[in-house]
Amino acid sequence: MLICGAHVGPTLTQPPRRTKPGSKPPMHLK
């Protein structure tokens, strides 16, 4: 969970609130 948030954090440049409870947002961006 920490790796996913850290990897999506700088990539999305958005708050971790949306990436934390949304493990699907990172997949959609990729």
C-alpha atoms as a PDB file:
ATOM      1  CA  MET A   1       0.000   0.000   0.000  1.00  0.00           C
ATOM      2  CA  LEU A   2       2.891   2.330   0.760  1.00  0.00           C
ATOM      3  CA  ILE A   3       4.621   1.578  -2.540  1.00  0.00           C
ATOM      4  CA  CYS A   4       1.427   2.101  -4.542  1.00  0.00           C
ATOM      5  CA  GLY A   5       0.714   5.449  -2.850  1.00  0.00           C
ATOM      6  CA  ALA A   6       4.296   6.684  -3.237  1.00  0.00           C
ATOM      7  CA  HIS A   7       4.393   5.625  -6.895  1.00  0.00           C
ATOM      8  CA  VAL A   8       1.026   7.194  -7.728  1.00  0.00           C
ATOM      9  CA  GLY A   9       1.561  10.265  -5.534  1.00  0.00           C
ATOM     10  CA  PRO A  10       4.273  11.933  -7.639  1.00  0.00           C
ATOM     11  CA  THR A  11       2.791  10.566 -10.844  1.00  0.00           C
ATOM     12  CA  LEU A  12      -0.696  11.963 -10.255  1.00  0.00           C
ATOM     13  CA  THR A  13       0.579  14.987  -8.331  1.00  0.00           C
ATOM     14  CA  GLN A  14      -2.655  14.805  -6.309  1.00  0.00           C
ATOM     15  CA  PRO A  15      -3.487  14.172  -2.634  1.00  0.00           C
ATOM     16  CA  PRO A  16      -3.091  10.621  -1.275  1.00  0.00           C
ATOM     17  CA  ARG A  17      -6.716  10.691  -0.132  1.00  0.00           C
ATOM     18  CA  ARG A  18      -7.986   9.803  -3.624  1.00  0.00           C
ATOM     19  CA  THR A  19      -5.203   7.314  -4.315  1.00  0.00           C
ATOM     20  CA  LYS A  20      -5.364   5.629  -0.888  1.00  0.00           C
ATOM     21  CA  PRO A  21      -9.021   4.527  -0.920  1.00  0.00           C
ATOM     22  CA  GLY A  22      -8.959   4.175  -4.724  1.00  0.00           C
ATOM     23  CA  SER A  23      -6.535   1.384  -5.635  1.00  0.00           C
ATOM     24  CA  LYS A  24      -8.082   1.555  -9.134  1.00  0.00           C
ATOM     25  CA  PRO A  25      -7.123   5.141 -10.133  1.00  0.00           C
ATOM     26  CA  PRO A  26      -3.450   4.150 -10.666  1.00  0.00           C
ATOM     27  CA  MET A  27      -4.483   1.318 -12.993  1.00  0.00           C
ATOM     28  CA  HIS A  28      -6.686   3.613 -15.064  1.00  0.00           C
ATOM     29  CA  LEU A  29      -3.849   6.128 -15.465  1.00  0.00           C
ATOM     30  CA  LYS A  30      -1.407   3.458 -16.592  1.00  0.00           C
END
